[in-house]
Amino acid sequence: MVLYEYLCDTHGPFELMCRLGQAPGATPCRHCGTPSRRLFSAPQLRVGQRVAWTEAQDHAQKSRHEPELVSAPPASATARRQAPLNPLLHTLPRP
């Protein structure tokens, strides 16, 4: 079952749970019964733990208005590069 979003001109957005791919293009509003059109929005995909997801969202939102100041490059950037596993990659230009 998937949540689909609909928009009523009077009462605003609401959600309806239907089988995947079987949601109608319009459905009556729960409050007034007027036909409401379906909205197309980004899917809510979750990978990993919910805590990590919310922390990443909070960090991105904070850095949007308060970017972090960096005084030195990260430690991984100063480490020696490892040789590629494929010898053909040696012929590629290096940055």
PDB file of N, CA and C in Angstrom:
ATOM      1  N   MET A   1       0.837  -1.169   0.000  1.00  0.00           N
ATOM      2  CA  MET A   1       0.000   0.000   0.000  1.00  0.00           C
ATOM      3  C   MET A   1       0.892   1.245   0.000  1.00  0.00           C
ATOM      4  N   VAL A   2       0.446   2.256  -0.730  1.00  0.00           N
ATOM      5  CA  VAL A   2       1.222   3.480  -0.904  1.00  0.00           C
ATOM      6  C   VAL A   2       0.347   4.671  -0.554  1.00  0.00           C
ATOM      7  N   LEU A   3       0.956   5.705   0.022  1.00  0.00           N
ATOM      8  CA  LEU A   3       0.235   6.940   0.298  1.00  0.00           C
ATOM      9  C   LEU A   3       0.295   7.848  -0.919  1.00  0.00           C
ATOM     10  N   TYR A   4      -0.858   8.304  -1.374  1.00  0.00           N
ATOM     11  CA  TYR A   4      -0.943   9.254  -2.474  1.00  0.00           C
ATOM     12  C   TYR A   4      -1.482  10.563  -1.924  1.00  0.00           C
ATOM     13  N   GLU A   5      -0.983  11.672  -2.444  1.00  0.00           N
ATOM     14  CA  GLU A   5      -1.420  12.987  -1.995  1.00  0.00           C
ATOM     15  C   GLU A   5      -2.445  13.561  -2.968  1.00  0.00           C
ATOM     16  N   TYR A   6      -3.461  14.191  -2.406  1.00  0.00           N
ATOM     17  CA  TYR A   6      -4.504  14.855  -3.179  1.00  0.00           C
ATOM     18  C   TYR A   6      -4.656  16.274  -2.653  1.00  0.00           C
ATOM     19  N   LEU A   7      -5.181  17.178  -3.494  1.00  0.00           N
ATOM     20  CA  LEU A   7      -5.334  18.571  -3.105  1.00  0.00           C
ATOM     21  C   LEU A   7      -6.766  19.015  -3.315  1.00  0.00           C
ATOM     22  N   CYS A   8      -7.405  19.406  -2.207  1.00  0.00           N
ATOM     23  CA  CYS A   8      -8.738  19.986  -2.259  1.00  0.00           C
ATOM     24  C   CYS A   8      -8.563  21.496  -2.334  1.00  0.00           C
ATOM     25  N   ASP A   9      -9.299  22.167  -3.219  1.00  0.00           N
ATOM     26  CA  ASP A   9      -9.168  23.615  -3.368  1.00  0.00           C
ATOM     27  C   ASP A   9      -9.610  24.348  -2.101  1.00  0.00           C
ATOM     28  N   THR A  10     -10.491  23.758  -1.330  1.00  0.00           N
ATOM     29  CA  THR A  10     -11.003  24.402  -0.129  1.00  0.00           C
ATOM     30  C   THR A  10     -10.226  24.014   1.121  1.00  0.00           C
ATOM     31  N   HIS A  11      -9.970  22.724   1.324  1.00  0.00           N
ATOM     32  CA  HIS A  11      -9.388  22.236   2.564  1.00  0.00           C
ATOM     33  C   HIS A  11      -7.898  21.905   2.481  1.00  0.00           C
ATOM     34  N   GLY A  12      -7.282  22.012   1.342  1.00  0.00           N
ATOM     35  CA  GLY A  12      -5.849  21.771   1.211  1.00  0.00           C
ATOM     36  C   GLY A  12      -5.504  20.311   0.958  1.00  0.00           C
ATOM     37  N   PRO A  13      -4.231  19.940   1.166  1.00  0.00           N
ATOM     38  CA  PRO A  13      -3.783  18.585   0.833  1.00  0.00           C
ATOM     39  C   PRO A  13      -4.246  17.545   1.853  1.00  0.00           C
ATOM     40  N   PHE A  14      -4.440  16.320   1.362  1.00  0.00           N
ATOM     41  CA  PHE A  14      -4.734  15.175   2.221  1.00  0.00           C
ATOM     42  C   PHE A  14      -4.176  13.939   1.547  1.00  0.00           C
ATOM     43  N   GLU A  15      -4.059  12.850   2.307  1.00  0.00           N
ATOM     44  CA  GLU A  15      -3.455  11.620   1.797  1.00  0.00           C
ATOM     45  C   GLU A  15      -4.485  10.508   1.716  1.00  0.00           C
ATOM     46  N   LEU A  16      -4.257   9.603   0.759  1.00  0.00           N
ATOM     47  CA  LEU A  16      -5.127   8.449   0.566  1.00  0.00           C
ATOM     48  C   LEU A  16      -4.228   7.240   0.322  1.00  0.00           C
ATOM     49  N   MET A  17      -4.486   6.135   1.013  1.00  0.00           N
ATOM     50  CA  MET A  17      -3.684   4.934   0.850  1.00  0.00           C
ATOM     51  C   MET A  17      -4.356   4.008  -0.163  1.00  0.00           C
ATOM     52  N   CYS A  18      -3.609   3.649  -1.214  1.00  0.00           N
ATOM     53  CA  CYS A  18      -4.113   2.761  -2.272  1.00  0.00           C
ATOM     54  C   CYS A  18      -3.016   1.771  -2.646  1.00  0.00           C
ATOM     55  N   ARG A  19      -3.382   0.784  -3.423  1.00  0.00           N
ATOM     56  CA  ARG A  19      -2.380  -0.135  -3.953  1.00  0.00           C
ATOM     57  C   ARG A  19      -1.505   0.604  -4.952  1.00  0.00           C
ATOM     58  N   LEU A  20      -0.282   0.146  -5.087  1.00  0.00           N
ATOM     59  CA  LEU A  20       0.681   0.763  -5.981  1.00  0.00           C
ATOM     60  C   LEU A  20       0.142   0.813  -7.405  1.00  0.00           C
ATOM     61  N   GLY A  21       0.084   1.985  -7.987  1.00  0.00           N
ATOM     62  CA  GLY A  21      -0.349   2.172  -9.367  1.00  0.00           C
ATOM     63  C   GLY A  21      -1.852   2.150  -9.577  1.00  0.00           C
ATOM     64  N   GLN A  22      -2.638   2.045  -8.514  1.00  0.00           N
ATOM     65  CA  GLN A  22      -4.081   1.972  -8.683  1.00  0.00           C
ATOM     66  C   GLN A  22      -4.807   3.164  -8.069  1.00  0.00           C
ATOM     67  N   ALA A  23      -4.092   4.244  -7.818  1.00  0.00           N
ATOM     68  CA  ALA A  23      -4.720   5.439  -7.251  1.00  0.00           C
ATOM     69  C   ALA A  23      -5.478   6.186  -8.348  1.00  0.00           C
ATOM     70  N   PRO A  24      -6.692   6.642  -8.063  1.00  0.00           N
ATOM     71  CA  PRO A  24      -7.451   7.397  -9.060  1.00  0.00           C
ATOM     72  C   PRO A  24      -6.847   8.787  -9.273  1.00  0.00           C
ATOM     73  N   GLY A  25      -7.100   9.362 -10.415  1.00  0.00           N
ATOM     74  CA  GLY A  25      -6.604  10.702 -10.729  1.00  0.00           C
ATOM     75  C   GLY A  25      -7.274  11.772  -9.894  1.00  0.00           C
ATOM     76  N   ALA A  26      -8.512  11.521  -9.468  1.00  0.00           N
ATOM     77  CA  ALA A  26      -9.243  12.445  -8.596  1.00  0.00           C
ATOM     78  C   ALA A  26     -10.069  11.625  -7.622  1.00  0.00           C
ATOM     79  N   THR A  27     -10.239  12.169  -6.425  1.00  0.00           N
ATOM     80  CA  THR A  27     -11.021  11.500  -5.393  1.00  0.00           C
ATOM     81  C   THR A  27     -11.765  12.561  -4.595  1.00  0.00           C
ATOM     82  N   PRO A  28     -12.924  12.224  -4.005  1.00  0.00           N
ATOM     83  CA  PRO A  28     -13.655  13.229  -3.233  1.00  0.00           C
ATOM     84  C   PRO A  28     -12.901  13.617  -1.955  1.00  0.00           C
ATOM     85  N   CYS A  29     -12.984  14.889  -1.604  1.00  0.00           N
ATOM     86  CA  CYS A  29     -12.379  15.394  -0.371  1.00  0.00           C
ATOM     87  C   CYS A  29     -13.086  14.762   0.823  1.00  0.00           C
ATOM     88  N   ARG A  30     -12.344  14.486   1.886  1.00  0.00           N
ATOM     89  CA  ARG A  30     -12.923  13.865   3.084  1.00  0.00           C
ATOM     90  C   ARG A  30     -13.870  14.797   3.820  1.00  0.00           C
ATOM     91  N   HIS A  31     -13.667  16.113   3.671  1.00  0.00           N
ATOM     92  CA  HIS A  31     -14.470  17.077   4.416  1.00  0.00           C
ATOM     93  C   HIS A  31     -15.692  17.560   3.641  1.00  0.00           C
ATOM     94  N   CYS A  32     -15.479  17.922   2.369  1.00  0.00           N
ATOM     95  CA  CYS A  32     -16.583  18.528   1.624  1.00  0.00           C
ATOM     96  C   CYS A  32     -17.091  17.675   0.466  1.00  0.00           C
ATOM     97  N   GLY A  33     -16.341  16.666   0.050  1.00  0.00           N
ATOM     98  CA  GLY A  33     -16.792  15.779  -1.012  1.00  0.00           C
ATOM     99  C   GLY A  33     -16.546  16.276  -2.427  1.00  0.00           C
ATOM    100  N   THR A  34     -15.904  17.447  -2.602  1.00  0.00           N
ATOM    101  CA  THR A  34     -15.614  17.934  -3.959  1.00  0.00           C
ATOM    102  C   THR A  34     -14.460  17.136  -4.551  1.00  0.00           C
ATOM    103  N   PRO A  35     -14.462  16.933  -5.872  1.00  0.00           N
ATOM    104  CA  PRO A  35     -13.369  16.186  -6.501  1.00  0.00           C
ATOM    105  C   PRO A  35     -12.024  16.889  -6.280  1.00  0.00           C
ATOM    106  N   SER A  36     -11.030  16.141  -5.843  1.00  0.00           N
ATOM    107  CA  SER A  36      -9.690  16.678  -5.583  1.00  0.00           C
ATOM    108  C   SER A  36      -8.699  15.956  -6.472  1.00  0.00           C
ATOM    109  N   ARG A  37      -7.816  16.728  -7.084  1.00  0.00           N
ATOM    110  CA  ARG A  37      -6.848  16.135  -8.017  1.00  0.00           C
ATOM    111  C   ARG A  37      -5.641  15.581  -7.275  1.00  0.00           C
ATOM    112  N   ARG A  38      -5.022  14.578  -7.879  1.00  0.00           N
ATOM    113  CA  ARG A  38      -3.853  13.944  -7.284  1.00  0.00           C
ATOM    114  C   ARG A  38      -2.621  14.801  -7.500  1.00  0.00           C
ATOM    115  N   LEU A  39      -1.766  14.897  -6.493  1.00  0.00           N
ATOM    116  CA  LEU A  39      -0.496  15.619  -6.585  1.00  0.00           C
ATOM    117  C   LEU A  39       0.624  14.627  -6.859  1.00  0.00           C
ATOM    118  N   PHE A  40       1.618  15.059  -7.589  1.00  0.00           N
ATOM    119  CA  PHE A  40       2.790  14.222  -7.830  1.00  0.00           C
ATOM    120  C   PHE A  40       3.939  14.802  -7.029  1.00  0.00           C
ATOM    121  N   SER A  41       4.497  13.995  -6.140  1.00  0.00           N
ATOM    122  CA  SER A  41       5.574  14.450  -5.275  1.00  0.00           C
ATOM    123  C   SER A  41       6.687  13.406  -5.259  1.00  0.00           C
ATOM    124  N   ALA A  42       7.808  13.794  -4.686  1.00  0.00           N
ATOM    125  CA  ALA A  42       8.963  12.888  -4.608  1.00  0.00           C
ATOM    126  C   ALA A  42       8.642  11.728  -3.675  1.00  0.00           C
ATOM    127  N   PRO A  43       9.090  10.526  -3.998  1.00  0.00           N
ATOM    128  CA  PRO A  43       8.834   9.386  -3.111  1.00  0.00           C
ATOM    129  C   PRO A  43       9.627   9.503  -1.822  1.00  0.00           C
ATOM    130  N   GLN A  44       9.098   8.949  -0.765  1.00  0.00           N
ATOM    131  CA  GLN A  44       9.773   8.934   0.525  1.00  0.00           C
ATOM    132  C   GLN A  44      10.505   7.605   0.666  1.00  0.00           C
ATOM    133  N   LEU A  45      11.739   7.562   0.216  1.00  0.00           N
ATOM    134  CA  LEU A  45      12.538   6.344   0.290  1.00  0.00           C
ATOM    135  C   LEU A  45      13.402   6.401   1.537  1.00  0.00           C
ATOM    136  N   ARG A  46      13.418   5.333   2.274  1.00  0.00           N
ATOM    137  CA  ARG A  46      14.229   5.272   3.485  1.00  0.00           C
ATOM    138  C   ARG A  46      15.242   4.149   3.344  1.00  0.00           C
ATOM    139  N   VAL A  47      16.485   4.485   3.591  1.00  0.00           N
ATOM    140  CA  VAL A  47      17.532   3.478   3.638  1.00  0.00           C
ATOM    141  C   VAL A  47      18.307   3.689   4.936  1.00  0.00           C
ATOM    142  N   GLY A  48      18.680   2.633   5.585  1.00  0.00           N
ATOM    143  CA  GLY A  48      19.399   2.760   6.838  1.00  0.00           C
ATOM    144  C   GLY A  48      18.465   3.063   7.984  1.00  0.00           C
ATOM    145  N   GLN A  49      19.033   3.581   9.052  1.00  0.00           N
ATOM    146  CA  GLN A  49      18.255   3.866  10.237  1.00  0.00           C
ATOM    147  C   GLN A  49      17.594   5.234  10.136  1.00  0.00           C
ATOM    148  N   ARG A  50      16.480   5.365  10.778  1.00  0.00           N
ATOM    149  CA  ARG A  50      15.731   6.623  10.780  1.00  0.00           C
ATOM    150  C   ARG A  50      16.530   7.725  11.488  1.00  0.00           C
ATOM    151  N   VAL A  51      17.284   7.367  12.516  1.00  0.00           N
ATOM    152  CA  VAL A  51      18.061   8.353  13.257  1.00  0.00           C
ATOM    153  C   VAL A  51      19.101   9.000  12.340  1.00  0.00           C
ATOM    154  N   ALA A  52      19.802   8.191  11.576  1.00  0.00           N
ATOM    155  CA  ALA A  52      20.823   8.716  10.666  1.00  0.00           C
ATOM    156  C   ALA A  52      20.186   9.625   9.618  1.00  0.00           C
ATOM    157  N   TRP A  53      19.016   9.269   9.160  1.00  0.00           N
ATOM    158  CA  TRP A  53      18.315  10.069   8.139  1.00  0.00           C
ATOM    159  C   TRP A  53      17.944  11.443   8.702  1.00  0.00           C
ATOM    160  N   THR A  54      17.376  11.474   9.898  1.00  0.00           N
ATOM    161  CA  THR A  54      16.978  12.755  10.474  1.00  0.00           C
ATOM    162  C   THR A  54      18.194  13.602  10.832  1.00  0.00           C
ATOM    163  N   GLU A  55      19.281  12.977  11.288  1.00  0.00           N
ATOM    164  CA  GLU A  55      20.503  13.734  11.575  1.00  0.00           C
ATOM    165  C   GLU A  55      21.067  14.359  10.305  1.00  0.00           C
ATOM    166  N   ALA A  56      21.042  13.623   9.213  1.00  0.00           N
ATOM    167  CA  ALA A  56      21.536  14.158   7.938  1.00  0.00           C
ATOM    168  C   ALA A  56      20.661  15.322   7.470  1.00  0.00           C
ATOM    169  N   GLN A  57      19.349  15.199   7.631  1.00  0.00           N
ATOM    170  CA  GLN A  57      18.449  16.287   7.248  1.00  0.00           C
ATOM    171  C   GLN A  57      18.686  17.519   8.123  1.00  0.00           C
ATOM    172  N   ASP A  58      18.847  17.311   9.431  1.00  0.00           N
ATOM    173  CA  ASP A  58      19.095  18.434  10.336  1.00  0.00           C
ATOM    174  C   ASP A  58      20.406  19.128   9.999  1.00  0.00           C
ATOM    175  N   HIS A  59      21.446  18.341   9.710  1.00  0.00           N
ATOM    176  CA  HIS A  59      22.749  18.920   9.366  1.00  0.00           C
ATOM    177  C   HIS A  59      22.654  19.718   8.067  1.00  0.00           C
ATOM    178  N   ALA A  60      21.959  19.183   7.076  1.00  0.00           N
ATOM    179  CA  ALA A  60      21.817  19.887   5.797  1.00  0.00           C
ATOM    180  C   ALA A  60      21.027  21.181   5.979  1.00  0.00           C
ATOM    181  N   GLN A  61      20.002  21.144   6.796  1.00  0.00           N
ATOM    182  CA  GLN A  61      19.187  22.338   7.029  1.00  0.00           C
ATOM    183  C   GLN A  61      19.994  23.397   7.773  1.00  0.00           C
ATOM    184  N   LYS A  62      20.793  22.984   8.760  1.00  0.00           N
ATOM    185  CA  LYS A  62      21.602  23.932   9.515  1.00  0.00           C
ATOM    186  C   LYS A  62      22.685  24.537   8.631  1.00  0.00           C
ATOM    187  N   SER A  63      23.361  23.712   7.832  1.00  0.00           N
ATOM    188  CA  SER A  63      24.445  24.221   6.995  1.00  0.00           C
ATOM    189  C   SER A  63      23.934  25.109   5.866  1.00  0.00           C
ATOM    190  N   ARG A  64      22.652  25.059   5.620  1.00  0.00           N
ATOM    191  CA  ARG A  64      22.056  25.919   4.602  1.00  0.00           C
ATOM    192  C   ARG A  64      22.162  27.384   5.010  1.00  0.00           C
ATOM    193  N   HIS A  65      21.979  27.652   6.302  1.00  0.00           N
ATOM    194  CA  HIS A  65      22.007  29.023   6.792  1.00  0.00           C
ATOM    195  C   HIS A  65      23.263  29.340   7.591  1.00  0.00           C
ATOM    196  N   GLU A  66      23.917  28.325   8.150  1.00  0.00           N
ATOM    197  CA  GLU A  66      25.127  28.508   8.938  1.00  0.00           C
ATOM    198  C   GLU A  66      26.206  27.555   8.441  1.00  0.00           C
ATOM    199  N   PRO A  67      26.876  27.867   7.317  1.00  0.00           N
ATOM    200  CA  PRO A  67      27.886  26.941   6.800  1.00  0.00           C
ATOM    201  C   PRO A  67      29.040  26.757   7.792  1.00  0.00           C
ATOM    202  N   GLU A  68      29.575  25.545   7.821  1.00  0.00           N
ATOM    203  CA  GLU A  68      30.684  25.249   8.714  1.00  0.00           C
ATOM    204  C   GLU A  68      31.970  25.863   8.170  1.00  0.00           C
ATOM    205  N   LEU A  69      32.805  26.371   9.079  1.00  0.00           N
ATOM    206  CA  LEU A  69      34.102  26.909   8.687  1.00  0.00           C
ATOM    207  C   LEU A  69      35.137  25.814   8.813  1.00  0.00           C
ATOM    208  N   VAL A  70      36.011  25.702   7.820  1.00  0.00           N
ATOM    209  CA  VAL A  70      37.024  24.657   7.798  1.00  0.00           C
ATOM    210  C   VAL A  70      38.384  25.320   7.883  1.00  0.00           C
ATOM    211  N   SER A  71      39.216  24.851   8.824  1.00  0.00           N
ATOM    212  CA  SER A  71      40.542  25.429   8.976  1.00  0.00           C
ATOM    213  C   SER A  71      41.619  24.584   8.295  1.00  0.00           C
ATOM    214  N   ALA A  72      41.329  23.326   7.981  1.00  0.00           N
ATOM    215  CA  ALA A  72      42.303  22.447   7.334  1.00  0.00           C
ATOM    216  C   ALA A  72      41.544  21.413   6.502  1.00  0.00           C
ATOM    217  N   PRO A  73      42.212  20.840   5.487  1.00  0.00           N
ATOM    218  CA  PRO A  73      41.536  19.792   4.714  1.00  0.00           C
ATOM    219  C   PRO A  73      41.290  18.560   5.583  1.00  0.00           C
ATOM    220  N   PRO A  74      40.314  17.758   5.231  1.00  0.00           N
ATOM    221  CA  PRO A  74      40.055  16.553   6.021  1.00  0.00           C
ATOM    222  C   PRO A  74      41.249  15.614   6.014  1.00  0.00           C
ATOM    223  N   ALA A  75      41.358  14.791   7.038  1.00  0.00           N
ATOM    224  CA  ALA A  75      42.499  13.880   7.180  1.00  0.00           C
ATOM    225  C   ALA A  75      42.601  12.918   6.015  1.00  0.00           C
ATOM    226  N   SER A  76      41.491  12.482   5.460  1.00  0.00           N
ATOM    227  CA  SER A  76      41.531  11.529   4.351  1.00  0.00           C
ATOM    228  C   SER A  76      42.126  12.145   3.088  1.00  0.00           C
ATOM    229  N   ALA A  77      42.024  13.474   2.931  1.00  0.00           N
ATOM    230  CA  ALA A  77      42.573  14.123   1.743  1.00  0.00           C
ATOM    231  C   ALA A  77      44.094  14.193   1.797  1.00  0.00           C
ATOM    232  N   THR A  78      44.655  14.208   2.995  1.00  0.00           N
ATOM    233  CA  THR A  78      46.108  14.296   3.104  1.00  0.00           C
ATOM    234  C   THR A  78      46.776  12.927   3.110  1.00  0.00           C
ATOM    235  N   ALA A  79      45.992  11.872   3.259  1.00  0.00           N
ATOM    236  CA  ALA A  79      46.559  10.518   3.273  1.00  0.00           C
ATOM    237  C   ALA A  79      47.070  10.148   1.877  1.00  0.00           C
ATOM    238  N   ARG A  80      48.049   9.238   1.855  1.00  0.00           N
ATOM    239  CA  ARG A  80      48.613   8.792   0.578  1.00  0.00           C
ATOM    240  C   ARG A  80      47.571   8.003  -0.192  1.00  0.00           C
ATOM    241  N   ARG A  81      47.527   8.245  -1.479  1.00  0.00           N
ATOM    242  CA  ARG A  81      46.567   7.526  -2.329  1.00  0.00           C
ATOM    243  C   ARG A  81      46.987   6.086  -2.499  1.00  0.00           C
ATOM    244  N   GLN A  82      46.006   5.213  -2.493  1.00  0.00           N
ATOM    245  CA  GLN A  82      46.291   3.806  -2.741  1.00  0.00           C
ATOM    246  C   GLN A  82      46.284   3.549  -4.235  1.00  0.00           C
ATOM    247  N   ALA A  83      47.066   2.581  -4.646  1.00  0.00           N
ATOM    248  CA  ALA A  83      47.114   2.219  -6.058  1.00  0.00           C
ATOM    249  C   ALA A  83      45.781   1.593  -6.454  1.00  0.00           C
ATOM    250  N   PRO A  84      45.258   1.933  -7.647  1.00  0.00           N
ATOM    251  CA  PRO A  84      43.994   1.342  -8.073  1.00  0.00           C
ATOM    252  C   PRO A  84      44.137  -0.165  -8.262  1.00  0.00           C
ATOM    253  N   LEU A  85      43.043  -0.869  -8.060  1.00  0.00           N
ATOM    254  CA  LEU A  85      43.063  -2.324  -8.197  1.00  0.00           C
ATOM    255  C   LEU A  85      43.258  -2.753  -9.648  1.00  0.00           C
ATOM    256  N   ASN A  86      42.759  -1.974 -10.565  1.00  0.00           N
ATOM    257  CA  ASN A  86      42.866  -2.295 -11.977  1.00  0.00           C
ATOM    258  C   ASN A  86      44.091  -1.565 -12.548  1.00  0.00           C
ATOM    259  N   PRO A  87      45.086  -2.262 -13.096  1.00  0.00           N
ATOM    260  CA  PRO A  87      46.287  -1.593 -13.616  1.00  0.00           C
ATOM    261  C   PRO A  87      45.997  -0.654 -14.779  1.00  0.00           C
ATOM    262  N   LEU A  88      44.893  -0.834 -15.488  1.00  0.00           N
ATOM    263  CA  LEU A  88      44.574   0.064 -16.586  1.00  0.00           C
ATOM    264  C   LEU A  88      44.218   1.468 -16.088  1.00  0.00           C
ATOM    265  N   LEU A  89      43.834   1.572 -14.827  1.00  0.00           N
ATOM    266  CA  LEU A  89      43.492   2.871 -14.278  1.00  0.00           C
ATOM    267  C   LEU A  89      44.702   3.758 -14.049  1.00  0.00           C
ATOM    268  N   HIS A  90      45.920   3.179 -14.097  1.00  0.00           N
ATOM    269  CA  HIS A  90      47.133   3.971 -13.945  1.00  0.00           C
ATOM    270  C   HIS A  90      47.297   4.946 -15.103  1.00  0.00           C
ATOM    271  N   THR A  91      46.721   4.636 -16.255  1.00  0.00           N
ATOM    272  CA  THR A  91      46.893   5.478 -17.432  1.00  0.00           C
ATOM    273  C   THR A  91      45.972   6.691 -17.433  1.00  0.00           C
ATOM    274  N   LEU A  92      45.015   6.747 -16.519  1.00  0.00           N
ATOM    275  CA  LEU A  92      44.095   7.883 -16.478  1.00  0.00           C
ATOM    276  C   LEU A  92      44.788   9.091 -15.880  1.00  0.00           C
ATOM    277  N   PRO A  93      44.410  10.303 -16.306  1.00  0.00           N
ATOM    278  CA  PRO A  93      45.034  11.497 -15.749  1.00  0.00           C
ATOM    279  C   PRO A  93      44.631  11.676 -14.280  1.00  0.00           C
ATOM    280  N   ARG A  94      45.540  12.210 -13.500  1.00  0.00           N
ATOM    281  CA  ARG A  94      45.287  12.449 -12.071  1.00  0.00           C
ATOM    282  C   ARG A  94      44.882  13.890 -11.854  1.00  0.00           C
ATOM    283  N   PRO A  95      44.047  14.117 -10.865  1.00  0.00           N
ATOM    284  CA  PRO A  95      43.656  15.513 -10.580  1.00  0.00           C
ATOM    285  C   PRO A  95      44.766  16.292  -9.911  1.00  0.00           C
TER     286      PRO A  95
END
